[in-house]
Amino acid sequence: MSMNRWEQAAEIFSVLGNAHRLAILETLAHSPARVGDLVDQLALSQPAVSQHLRVLRAAQLVDFERHGREIIYRLRDQHVAHIVGDALKHVAEEPHAHSANTDD
């Protein structure tokens, strides 16, 4: 893997380093949604959701489809859903499962 690919992957993790963006991605992993749906489900302001969606689009993690005046957002592919899902499963594990190997 070239450094360019490593840098691109690091940029994805940088984008994923925001709890609100993770929540948006987790929501979109279940089904496509409009901005208003995300606002309602996540209790975030419309400007905040729109800004996070711009960042996620720029990172090529979400796509959108326009239906008249309505825009529907969805994950670009399931790879990101797996990363987010695995991270959430990891933090949900019992704390002692993480401390079993203290040599790290």
PDB file of N, CA and C in Angstrom:
ATOM      1  N   MET A   1       0.854  -1.179   0.000  1.00  0.00           N
ATOM      2  CA  MET A   1       0.000   0.000   0.000  1.00  0.00           C
ATOM      3  C   MET A   1       0.894   1.234   0.000  1.00  0.00           C
ATOM      4  N   SER A   2       0.659   2.131  -0.906  1.00  0.00           N
ATOM      5  CA  SER A   2       1.476   3.338  -0.985  1.00  0.00           C
ATOM      6  C   SER A   2       1.097   4.312   0.133  1.00  0.00           C
ATOM      7  N   MET A   3       1.990   5.245   0.390  1.00  0.00           N
ATOM      8  CA  MET A   3       1.716   6.241   1.431  1.00  0.00           C
ATOM      9  C   MET A   3       0.453   7.027   1.104  1.00  0.00           C
ATOM     10  N   ASN A   4       0.190   7.281  -0.167  1.00  0.00           N
ATOM     11  CA  ASN A   4      -1.006   8.014  -0.541  1.00  0.00           C
ATOM     12  C   ASN A   4      -2.247   7.306  -0.010  1.00  0.00           C
ATOM     13  N   ARG A   5      -2.299   5.997  -0.132  1.00  0.00           N
ATOM     14  CA  ARG A   5      -3.444   5.240   0.378  1.00  0.00           C
ATOM     15  C   ARG A   5      -3.494   5.289   1.898  1.00  0.00           C
ATOM     16  N   TRP A   6      -2.329   5.259   2.550  1.00  0.00           N
ATOM     17  CA  TRP A   6      -2.298   5.371   4.013  1.00  0.00           C
ATOM     18  C   TRP A   6      -2.822   6.736   4.430  1.00  0.00           C
ATOM     19  N   GLU A   7      -2.404   7.766   3.718  1.00  0.00           N
ATOM     20  CA  GLU A   7      -2.878   9.115   4.034  1.00  0.00           C
ATOM     21  C   GLU A   7      -4.381   9.243   3.804  1.00  0.00           C
ATOM     22  N   GLN A   8      -4.883   8.635   2.746  1.00  0.00           N
ATOM     23  CA  GLN A   8      -6.316   8.668   2.489  1.00  0.00           C
ATOM     24  C   GLN A   8      -7.081   7.951   3.596  1.00  0.00           C
ATOM     25  N   ALA A   9      -6.562   6.805   4.039  1.00  0.00           N
ATOM     26  CA  ALA A   9      -7.216   6.069   5.121  1.00  0.00           C
ATOM     27  C   ALA A   9      -7.162   6.878   6.415  1.00  0.00           C
ATOM     28  N   ALA A  10      -6.030   7.544   6.676  1.00  0.00           N
ATOM     29  CA  ALA A  10      -5.909   8.369   7.879  1.00  0.00           C
ATOM     30  C   ALA A  10      -6.914   9.518   7.847  1.00  0.00           C
ATOM     31  N   GLU A  11      -7.167  10.068   6.673  1.00  0.00           N
ATOM     32  CA  GLU A  11      -8.152  11.148   6.543  1.00  0.00           C
ATOM     33  C   GLU A  11      -9.550  10.644   6.906  1.00  0.00           C
ATOM     34  N   ILE A  12      -9.866   9.417   6.516  1.00  0.00           N
ATOM     35  CA  ILE A  12     -11.163   8.836   6.883  1.00  0.00           C
ATOM     36  C   ILE A  12     -11.278   8.743   8.398  1.00  0.00           C
ATOM     37  N   PHE A  13     -10.225   8.272   9.051  1.00  0.00           N
ATOM     38  CA  PHE A  13     -10.276   8.183  10.511  1.00  0.00           C
ATOM     39  C   PHE A  13     -10.367   9.567  11.153  1.00  0.00           C
ATOM     40  N   SER A  14      -9.751  10.545  10.542  1.00  0.00           N
ATOM     41  CA  SER A  14      -9.867  11.919  11.046  1.00  0.00           C
ATOM     42  C   SER A  14     -11.319  12.384  10.975  1.00  0.00           C
ATOM     43  N   VAL A  15     -11.976  12.114   9.860  1.00  0.00           N
ATOM     44  CA  VAL A  15     -13.389  12.486   9.702  1.00  0.00           C
ATOM     45  C   VAL A  15     -14.248  11.715  10.693  1.00  0.00           C
ATOM     46  N   LEU A  16     -13.912  10.454  10.934  1.00  0.00           N
ATOM     47  CA  LEU A  16     -14.680   9.625  11.861  1.00  0.00           C
ATOM     48  C   LEU A  16     -14.436  10.010  13.320  1.00  0.00           C
ATOM     49  N   GLY A  17     -13.489  10.878  13.577  1.00  0.00           N
ATOM     50  CA  GLY A  17     -13.147  11.285  14.935  1.00  0.00           C
ATOM     51  C   GLY A  17     -14.096  12.307  15.532  1.00  0.00           C
ATOM     52  N   ASN A  18     -15.335  12.301  15.114  1.00  0.00           N
ATOM     53  CA  ASN A  18     -16.340  13.228  15.633  1.00  0.00           C
ATOM     54  C   ASN A  18     -17.587  12.418  15.978  1.00  0.00           C
ATOM     55  N   ALA A  19     -18.052  12.533  17.210  1.00  0.00           N
ATOM     56  CA  ALA A  19     -19.192  11.732  17.678  1.00  0.00           C
ATOM     57  C   ALA A  19     -20.458  11.985  16.868  1.00  0.00           C
ATOM     58  N   HIS A  20     -20.692  13.233  16.467  1.00  0.00           N
ATOM     59  CA  HIS A  20     -21.900  13.525  15.693  1.00  0.00           C
ATOM     60  C   HIS A  20     -21.841  12.886  14.311  1.00  0.00           C
ATOM     61  N   ARG A  21     -20.669  12.922  13.692  1.00  0.00           N
ATOM     62  CA  ARG A  21     -20.545  12.276  12.379  1.00  0.00           C
ATOM     63  C   ARG A  21     -20.701  10.764  12.501  1.00  0.00           C
ATOM     64  N   LEU A  22     -20.182  10.183  13.576  1.00  0.00           N
ATOM     65  CA  LEU A  22     -20.388   8.745  13.802  1.00  0.00           C
ATOM     66  C   LEU A  22     -21.872   8.433  13.960  1.00  0.00           C
ATOM     67  N   ALA A  23     -22.579   9.279  14.693  1.00  0.00           N
ATOM     68  CA  ALA A  23     -24.020   9.064  14.885  1.00  0.00           C
ATOM     69  C   ALA A  23     -24.761   9.162  13.555  1.00  0.00           C
ATOM     70  N   ILE A  24     -24.383  10.109  12.726  1.00  0.00           N
ATOM     71  CA  ILE A  24     -25.010  10.238  11.405  1.00  0.00           C
ATOM     72  C   ILE A  24     -24.731   8.993  10.578  1.00  0.00           C
ATOM     73  N   LEU A  25     -23.493   8.541  10.571  1.00  0.00           N
ATOM     74  CA  LEU A  25     -23.141   7.352   9.787  1.00  0.00           C
ATOM     75  C   LEU A  25     -23.866   6.112  10.298  1.00  0.00           C
ATOM     76  N   GLU A  26     -23.963   5.975  11.616  1.00  0.00           N
ATOM     77  CA  GLU A  26     -24.679   4.822  12.168  1.00  0.00           C
ATOM     78  C   GLU A  26     -26.156   4.869  11.750  1.00  0.00           C
ATOM     79  N   THR A  27     -26.750   6.044  11.799  1.00  0.00           N
ATOM     80  CA  THR A  27     -28.144   6.197  11.392  1.00  0.00           C
ATOM     81  C   THR A  27     -28.320   5.850   9.918  1.00  0.00           C
ATOM     82  N   LEU A  28     -27.424   6.357   9.071  1.00  0.00           N
ATOM     83  CA  LEU A  28     -27.514   6.075   7.642  1.00  0.00           C
ATOM     84  C   LEU A  28     -27.204   4.614   7.312  1.00  0.00           C
ATOM     85  N   ALA A  29     -26.489   3.932   8.200  1.00  0.00           N
ATOM     86  CA  ALA A  29     -26.217   2.507   7.982  1.00  0.00           C
ATOM     87  C   ALA A  29     -27.507   1.693   8.048  1.00  0.00           C
ATOM     88  N   HIS A  30     -28.484   2.212   8.787  1.00  0.00           N
ATOM     89  CA  HIS A  30     -29.762   1.513   8.915  1.00  0.00           C
ATOM     90  C   HIS A  30     -30.697   1.823   7.754  1.00  0.00           C
ATOM     91  N   SER A  31     -30.682   3.071   7.289  1.00  0.00           N
ATOM     92  CA  SER A  31     -31.512   3.435   6.135  1.00  0.00           C
ATOM     93  C   SER A  31     -31.160   4.836   5.672  1.00  0.00           C
ATOM     94  N   PRO A  32     -31.353   5.107   4.390  1.00  0.00           N
ATOM     95  CA  PRO A  32     -31.142   6.474   3.893  1.00  0.00           C
ATOM     96  C   PRO A  32     -32.063   7.448   4.632  1.00  0.00           C
ATOM     97  N   ALA A  33     -31.665   8.719   4.668  1.00  0.00           N
ATOM     98  CA  ALA A  33     -32.455   9.704   5.419  1.00  0.00           C
ATOM     99  C   ALA A  33     -32.288  11.100   4.844  1.00  0.00           C
ATOM    100  N   ARG A  34     -33.292  11.923   5.091  1.00  0.00           N
ATOM    101  CA  ARG A  34     -33.241  13.344   4.766  1.00  0.00           C
ATOM    102  C   ARG A  34     -32.568  14.080   5.932  1.00  0.00           C
ATOM    103  N   VAL A  35     -32.129  15.292   5.681  1.00  0.00           N
ATOM    104  CA  VAL A  35     -31.529  16.100   6.741  1.00  0.00           C
ATOM    105  C   VAL A  35     -32.503  16.223   7.911  1.00  0.00           C
ATOM    106  N   GLY A  36     -33.767  16.507   7.617  1.00  0.00           N
ATOM    107  CA  GLY A  36     -34.773  16.651   8.675  1.00  0.00           C
ATOM    108  C   GLY A  36     -34.927  15.392   9.511  1.00  0.00           C
ATOM    109  N   ASP A  37     -34.827  14.221   8.864  1.00  0.00           N
ATOM    110  CA  ASP A  37     -34.891  12.955   9.607  1.00  0.00           C
ATOM    111  C   ASP A  37     -33.724  12.844  10.582  1.00  0.00           C
ATOM    112  N   LEU A  38     -32.536  13.221  10.104  1.00  0.00           N
ATOM    113  CA  LEU A  38     -31.344  13.148  10.955  1.00  0.00           C
ATOM    114  C   LEU A  38     -31.442  14.143  12.109  1.00  0.00           C
ATOM    115  N   VAL A  39     -31.950  15.334  11.826  1.00  0.00           N
ATOM    116  CA  VAL A  39     -32.152  16.336  12.879  1.00  0.00           C
ATOM    117  C   VAL A  39     -33.054  15.763  13.962  1.00  0.00           C
ATOM    118  N   ASP A  40     -34.176  15.172  13.553  1.00  0.00           N
ATOM    119  CA  ASP A  40     -35.138  14.614  14.510  1.00  0.00           C
ATOM    120  C   ASP A  40     -34.559  13.440  15.284  1.00  0.00           C
ATOM    121  N   GLN A  41     -33.909  12.523  14.585  1.00  0.00           N
ATOM    122  CA  GLN A  41     -33.405  11.310  15.232  1.00  0.00           C
ATOM    123  C   GLN A  41     -32.229  11.576  16.155  1.00  0.00           C
ATOM    124  N   LEU A  42     -31.400  12.550  15.810  1.00  0.00           N
ATOM    125  CA  LEU A  42     -30.162  12.770  16.570  1.00  0.00           C
ATOM    126  C   LEU A  42     -30.218  13.993  17.479  1.00  0.00           C
ATOM    127  N   ALA A  43     -31.317  14.732  17.435  1.00  0.00           N
ATOM    128  CA  ALA A  43     -31.480  15.932  18.255  1.00  0.00           C
ATOM    129  C   ALA A  43     -30.323  16.912  18.057  1.00  0.00           C
ATOM    130  N   LEU A  44     -29.955  17.098  16.800  1.00  0.00           N
ATOM    131  CA  LEU A  44     -28.942  18.079  16.423  1.00  0.00           C
ATOM    132  C   LEU A  44     -29.623  19.175  15.626  1.00  0.00           C
ATOM    133  N   SER A  45     -28.987  20.321  15.544  1.00  0.00           N
ATOM    134  CA  SER A  45     -29.566  21.404  14.751  1.00  0.00           C
ATOM    135  C   SER A  45     -29.408  21.103  13.261  1.00  0.00           C
ATOM    136  N   GLN A  46     -30.275  21.691  12.466  1.00  0.00           N
ATOM    137  CA  GLN A  46     -30.190  21.494  11.017  1.00  0.00           C
ATOM    138  C   GLN A  46     -28.854  21.995  10.461  1.00  0.00           C
ATOM    139  N   PRO A  47     -28.372  23.185  10.881  1.00  0.00           N
ATOM    140  CA  PRO A  47     -27.067  23.620  10.368  1.00  0.00           C
ATOM    141  C   PRO A  47     -25.931  22.662  10.735  1.00  0.00           C
ATOM    142  N   ALA A  48     -25.975  22.104  11.943  1.00  0.00           N
ATOM    143  CA  ALA A  48     -24.928  21.164  12.363  1.00  0.00           C
ATOM    144  C   ALA A  48     -24.963  19.899  11.511  1.00  0.00           C
ATOM    145  N   VAL A  49     -26.155  19.345  11.305  1.00  0.00           N
ATOM    146  CA  VAL A  49     -26.284  18.140  10.485  1.00  0.00           C
ATOM    147  C   VAL A  49     -25.798  18.425   9.063  1.00  0.00           C
ATOM    148  N   SER A  50     -26.205  19.546   8.504  1.00  0.00           N
ATOM    149  CA  SER A  50     -25.788  19.896   7.143  1.00  0.00           C
ATOM    150  C   SER A  50     -24.275  20.032   7.037  1.00  0.00           C
ATOM    151  N   GLN A  51     -23.653  20.660   8.034  1.00  0.00           N
ATOM    152  CA  GLN A  51     -22.196  20.815   8.025  1.00  0.00           C
ATOM    153  C   GLN A  51     -21.513  19.457   8.114  1.00  0.00           C
ATOM    154  N   HIS A  52     -21.983  18.591   8.990  1.00  0.00           N
ATOM    155  CA  HIS A  52     -21.383  17.257   9.110  1.00  0.00           C
ATOM    156  C   HIS A  52     -21.567  16.461   7.822  1.00  0.00           C
ATOM    157  N   LEU A  53     -22.714  16.591   7.190  1.00  0.00           N
ATOM    158  CA  LEU A  53     -22.936  15.898   5.915  1.00  0.00           C
ATOM    159  C   LEU A  53     -21.996  16.418   4.830  1.00  0.00           C
ATOM    160  N   ARG A  54     -21.689  17.712   4.829  1.00  0.00           N
ATOM    161  CA  ARG A  54     -20.723  18.255   3.866  1.00  0.00           C
ATOM    162  C   ARG A  54     -19.354  17.621   4.068  1.00  0.00           C
ATOM    163  N   VAL A  55     -18.947  17.484   5.321  1.00  0.00           N
ATOM    164  CA  VAL A  55     -17.655  16.861   5.622  1.00  0.00           C
ATOM    165  C   VAL A  55     -17.659  15.396   5.177  1.00  0.00           C
ATOM    166  N   LEU A  56     -18.743  14.695   5.466  1.00  0.00           N
ATOM    167  CA  LEU A  56     -18.844  13.275   5.094  1.00  0.00           C
ATOM    168  C   LEU A  56     -18.892  13.104   3.579  1.00  0.00           C
ATOM    169  N   ARG A  57     -19.536  14.016   2.891  1.00  0.00           N
ATOM    170  CA  ARG A  57     -19.561  13.959   1.418  1.00  0.00           C
ATOM    171  C   ARG A  57     -18.171  14.229   0.858  1.00  0.00           C
ATOM    172  N   ALA A  58     -17.477  15.222   1.399  1.00  0.00           N
ATOM    173  CA  ALA A  58     -16.134  15.552   0.932  1.00  0.00           C
ATOM    174  C   ALA A  58     -15.177  14.383   1.121  1.00  0.00           C
ATOM    175  N   ALA A  59     -15.388  13.618   2.180  1.00  0.00           N
ATOM    176  CA  ALA A  59     -14.560  12.437   2.453  1.00  0.00           C
ATOM    177  C   ALA A  59     -15.047  11.209   1.679  1.00  0.00           C
ATOM    178  N   GLN A  60     -16.078  11.390   0.871  1.00  0.00           N
ATOM    179  CA  GLN A  60     -16.656  10.331   0.045  1.00  0.00           C
ATOM    180  C   GLN A  60     -17.187   9.166   0.877  1.00  0.00           C
ATOM    181  N   LEU A  61     -17.774   9.509   2.031  1.00  0.00           N
ATOM    182  CA  LEU A  61     -18.358   8.485   2.889  1.00  0.00           C
ATOM    183  C   LEU A  61     -19.868   8.389   2.715  1.00  0.00           C
ATOM    184  N   VAL A  62     -20.488   9.486   2.264  1.00  0.00           N
ATOM    185  CA  VAL A  62     -21.927   9.468   1.986  1.00  0.00           C
ATOM    186  C   VAL A  62     -22.191  10.010   0.587  1.00  0.00           C
ATOM    187  N   ASP A  63     -23.287   9.562   0.026  1.00  0.00           N
ATOM    188  CA  ASP A  63     -23.797  10.049  -1.255  1.00  0.00           C
ATOM    189  C   ASP A  63     -25.172  10.635  -1.007  1.00  0.00           C
ATOM    190  N   PHE A  64     -25.678  11.333  -1.999  1.00  0.00           N
ATOM    191  CA  PHE A  64     -27.043  11.841  -1.879  1.00  0.00           C
ATOM    192  C   PHE A  64     -27.739  11.702  -3.217  1.00  0.00           C
ATOM    193  N   GLU A  65     -29.034  11.695  -3.137  1.00  0.00           N
ATOM    194  CA  GLU A  65     -29.878  11.620  -4.319  1.00  0.00           C
ATOM    195  C   GLU A  65     -30.976  12.667  -4.161  1.00  0.00           C
ATOM    196  N   ARG A  66     -31.179  13.435  -5.201  1.00  0.00           N
ATOM    197  CA  ARG A  66     -32.183  14.497  -5.154  1.00  0.00           C
ATOM    198  C   ARG A  66     -33.489  13.987  -5.747  1.00  0.00           C
ATOM    199  N   HIS A  67     -34.569  14.201  -5.008  1.00  0.00           N
ATOM    200  CA  HIS A  67     -35.923  13.891  -5.456  1.00  0.00           C
ATOM    201  C   HIS A  67     -36.718  15.188  -5.374  1.00  0.00           C
ATOM    202  N   GLY A  68     -36.752  15.918  -6.480  1.00  0.00           N
ATOM    203  CA  GLY A  68     -37.389  17.229  -6.441  1.00  0.00           C
ATOM    204  C   GLY A  68     -36.607  18.148  -5.526  1.00  0.00           C
ATOM    205  N   ARG A  69     -37.271  18.679  -4.512  1.00  0.00           N
ATOM    206  CA  ARG A  69     -36.609  19.562  -3.535  1.00  0.00           C
ATOM    207  C   ARG A  69     -36.013  18.790  -2.371  1.00  0.00           C
ATOM    208  N   GLU A  70     -36.262  17.500  -2.323  1.00  0.00           N
ATOM    209  CA  GLU A  70     -35.812  16.658  -1.214  1.00  0.00           C
ATOM    210  C   GLU A  70     -34.483  15.980  -1.560  1.00  0.00           C
ATOM    211  N   ILE A  71     -33.586  15.955  -0.590  1.00  0.00           N
ATOM    212  CA  ILE A  71     -32.299  15.276  -0.764  1.00  0.00           C
ATOM    213  C   ILE A  71     -32.236  14.115   0.226  1.00  0.00           C
ATOM    214  N   ILE A  72     -31.941  12.947  -0.282  1.00  0.00           N
ATOM    215  CA  ILE A  72     -31.830  11.746   0.543  1.00  0.00           C
ATOM    216  C   ILE A  72     -30.352  11.366   0.619  1.00  0.00           C
ATOM    217  N   TYR A  73     -29.846  11.229   1.842  1.00  0.00           N
ATOM    218  CA  TYR A  73     -28.451  10.835   2.064  1.00  0.00           C
ATOM    219  C   TYR A  73     -28.375   9.356   2.401  1.00  0.00           C
ATOM    220  N   ARG A  74     -27.286   8.725   1.959  1.00  0.00           N
ATOM    221  CA  ARG A  74     -27.043   7.321   2.277  1.00  0.00           C
ATOM    222  C   ARG A  74     -25.535   7.077   2.296  1.00  0.00           C
ATOM    223  N   LEU A  75     -25.142   5.984   2.912  1.00  0.00           N
ATOM    224  CA  LEU A  75     -23.725   5.622   2.910  1.00  0.00           C
ATOM    225  C   LEU A  75     -23.284   5.306   1.492  1.00  0.00           C
ATOM    226  N   ARG A  76     -22.065   5.667   1.187  1.00  0.00           N
ATOM    227  CA  ARG A  76     -21.536   5.364  -0.142  1.00  0.00           C
ATOM    228  C   ARG A  76     -21.364   3.862  -0.317  1.00  0.00           C
ATOM    229  N   ASP A  77     -20.897   3.189   0.744  1.00  0.00           N
ATOM    230  CA  ASP A  77     -20.779   1.737   0.706  1.00  0.00           C
ATOM    231  C   ASP A  77     -20.799   1.202   2.137  1.00  0.00           C
ATOM    232  N   GLN A  78     -20.813  -0.085   2.286  1.00  0.00           N
ATOM    233  CA  GLN A  78     -20.949  -0.689   3.610  1.00  0.00           C
ATOM    234  C   GLN A  78     -19.640  -0.786   4.388  1.00  0.00           C
ATOM    235  N   HIS A  79     -18.509  -0.468   3.787  1.00  0.00           N
ATOM    236  CA  HIS A  79     -17.238  -0.521   4.515  1.00  0.00           C
ATOM    237  C   HIS A  79     -17.266   0.393   5.738  1.00  0.00           C
ATOM    238  N   VAL A  80     -17.772   1.586   5.550  1.00  0.00           N
ATOM    239  CA  VAL A  80     -17.821   2.551   6.655  1.00  0.00           C
ATOM    240  C   VAL A  80     -18.783   2.076   7.736  1.00  0.00           C
ATOM    241  N   ALA A  81     -19.889   1.476   7.338  1.00  0.00           N
ATOM    242  CA  ALA A  81     -20.840   0.933   8.317  1.00  0.00           C
ATOM    243  C   ALA A  81     -20.156  -0.108   9.190  1.00  0.00           C
ATOM    244  N   HIS A  82     -19.297  -0.917   8.591  1.00  0.00           N
ATOM    245  CA  HIS A  82     -18.584  -1.940   9.361  1.00  0.00           C
ATOM    246  C   HIS A  82     -17.588  -1.310  10.336  1.00  0.00           C
ATOM    247  N   ILE A  83     -16.877  -0.279   9.882  1.00  0.00           N
ATOM    248  CA  ILE A  83     -15.906   0.388  10.760  1.00  0.00           C
ATOM    249  C   ILE A  83     -16.620   1.000  11.962  1.00  0.00           C
ATOM    250  N   VAL A  84     -17.698   1.732  11.691  1.00  0.00           N
ATOM    251  CA  VAL A  84     -18.446   2.384  12.768  1.00  0.00           C
ATOM    252  C   VAL A  84     -19.070   1.334  13.682  1.00  0.00           C
ATOM    253  N   GLY A  85     -19.692   0.311  13.096  1.00  0.00           N
ATOM    254  CA  GLY A  85     -20.314  -0.750  13.891  1.00  0.00           C
ATOM    255  C   GLY A  85     -19.315  -1.471  14.768  1.00  0.00           C
ATOM    256  N   ASP A  86     -18.140  -1.776  14.211  1.00  0.00           N
ATOM    257  CA  ASP A  86     -17.105  -2.459  15.002  1.00  0.00           C
ATOM    258  C   ASP A  86     -16.601  -1.581  16.143  1.00  0.00           C
ATOM    259  N   ALA A  87     -16.446  -0.282  15.888  1.00  0.00           N
ATOM    260  CA  ALA A  87     -16.006   0.624  16.954  1.00  0.00           C
ATOM    261  C   ALA A  87     -17.044   0.685  18.072  1.00  0.00           C
ATOM    262  N   LEU A  88     -18.311   0.739  17.704  1.00  0.00           N
ATOM    263  CA  LEU A  88     -19.366   0.778  18.723  1.00  0.00           C
ATOM    264  C   LEU A  88     -19.446  -0.533  19.501  1.00  0.00           C
ATOM    265  N   LYS A  89     -19.258  -1.646  18.830  1.00  0.00           N
ATOM    266  CA  LYS A  89     -19.233  -2.944  19.525  1.00  0.00           C
ATOM    267  C   LYS A  89     -18.044  -3.005  20.477  1.00  0.00           C
ATOM    268  N   HIS A  90     -16.911  -2.474  20.023  1.00  0.00           N
ATOM    269  CA  HIS A  90     -15.695  -2.492  20.841  1.00  0.00           C
ATOM    270  C   HIS A  90     -15.904  -1.735  22.155  1.00  0.00           C
ATOM    271  N   VAL A  91     -16.504  -0.552  22.088  1.00  0.00           N
ATOM    272  CA  VAL A  91     -16.687   0.237  23.315  1.00  0.00           C
ATOM    273  C   VAL A  91     -17.802  -0.325  24.197  1.00  0.00           C
ATOM    274  N   ALA A  92     -18.674  -1.143  23.617  1.00  0.00           N
ATOM    275  CA  ALA A  92     -19.767  -1.732  24.396  1.00  0.00           C
ATOM    276  C   ALA A  92     -19.334  -2.986  25.153  1.00  0.00           C
ATOM    277  N   GLU A  93     -18.157  -3.513  24.825  1.00  0.00           N
ATOM    278  CA  GLU A  93     -17.671  -4.713  25.505  1.00  0.00           C
ATOM    279  C   GLU A  93     -17.391  -4.425  26.973  1.00  0.00           C
ATOM    280  N   GLU A  94     -17.399  -5.474  27.748  1.00  0.00           N
ATOM    281  CA  GLU A  94     -17.069  -5.345  29.170  1.00  0.00           C
ATOM    282  C   GLU A  94     -15.658  -4.781  29.321  1.00  0.00           C
ATOM    283  N   PRO A  95     -15.446  -3.880  30.262  1.00  0.00           N
ATOM    284  CA  PRO A  95     -14.120  -3.271  30.438  1.00  0.00           C
ATOM    285  C   PRO A  95     -13.005  -4.280  30.679  1.00  0.00           C
ATOM    286  N   HIS A  96     -13.293  -5.359  31.390  1.00  0.00           N
ATOM    287  CA  HIS A  96     -12.234  -6.325  31.674  1.00  0.00           C
ATOM    288  C   HIS A  96     -11.766  -7.043  30.421  1.00  0.00           C
ATOM    289  N   ALA A  97     -12.560  -7.072  29.382  1.00  0.00           N
ATOM    290  CA  ALA A  97     -12.145  -7.713  28.134  1.00  0.00           C
ATOM    291  C   ALA A  97     -10.999  -6.932  27.499  1.00  0.00           C
ATOM    292  N   HIS A  98     -10.937  -5.617  27.712  1.00  0.00           N
ATOM    293  CA  HIS A  98      -9.882  -4.783  27.136  1.00  0.00           C
ATOM    294  C   HIS A  98      -8.620  -4.811  27.981  1.00  0.00           C
ATOM    295  N   SER A  99      -8.736  -5.080  29.260  1.00  0.00           N
ATOM    296  CA  SER A  99      -7.570  -5.021  30.125  1.00  0.00           C
ATOM    297  C   SER A  99      -6.919  -6.393  30.297  1.00  0.00           C
ATOM    298  N   ALA A 100      -7.376  -7.402  29.579  1.00  0.00           N
ATOM    299  CA  ALA A 100      -6.809  -8.745  29.707  1.00  0.00           C
ATOM    300  C   ALA A 100      -5.347  -8.768  29.298  1.00  0.00           C
ATOM    301  N   ASN A 101      -4.958  -7.967  28.317  1.00  0.00           N
ATOM    302  CA  ASN A 101      -3.581  -7.909  27.860  1.00  0.00           C
ATOM    303  C   ASN A 101      -3.028  -6.529  28.199  1.00  0.00           C
ATOM    304  N   THR A 102      -2.276  -6.439  29.283  1.00  0.00           N
ATOM    305  CA  THR A 102      -1.760  -5.141  29.729  1.00  0.00           C
ATOM    306  C   THR A 102      -0.344  -4.899  29.259  1.00  0.00           C
ATOM    307  N   ASP A 103       0.199  -5.754  28.386  1.00  0.00           N
ATOM    308  CA  ASP A 103       1.561  -5.574  27.894  1.00  0.00           C
ATOM    309  C   ASP A 103       1.654  -4.525  26.795  1.00  0.00           C
ATOM    310  N   ASP A 104       0.535  -4.005  26.301  1.00  0.00           N
ATOM    311  CA  ASP A 104       0.558  -3.069  25.184  1.00  0.00           C
ATOM    312  C   ASP A 104       1.066  -1.721  25.572  1.00  0.00           C
TER     313      ASP A 104
END
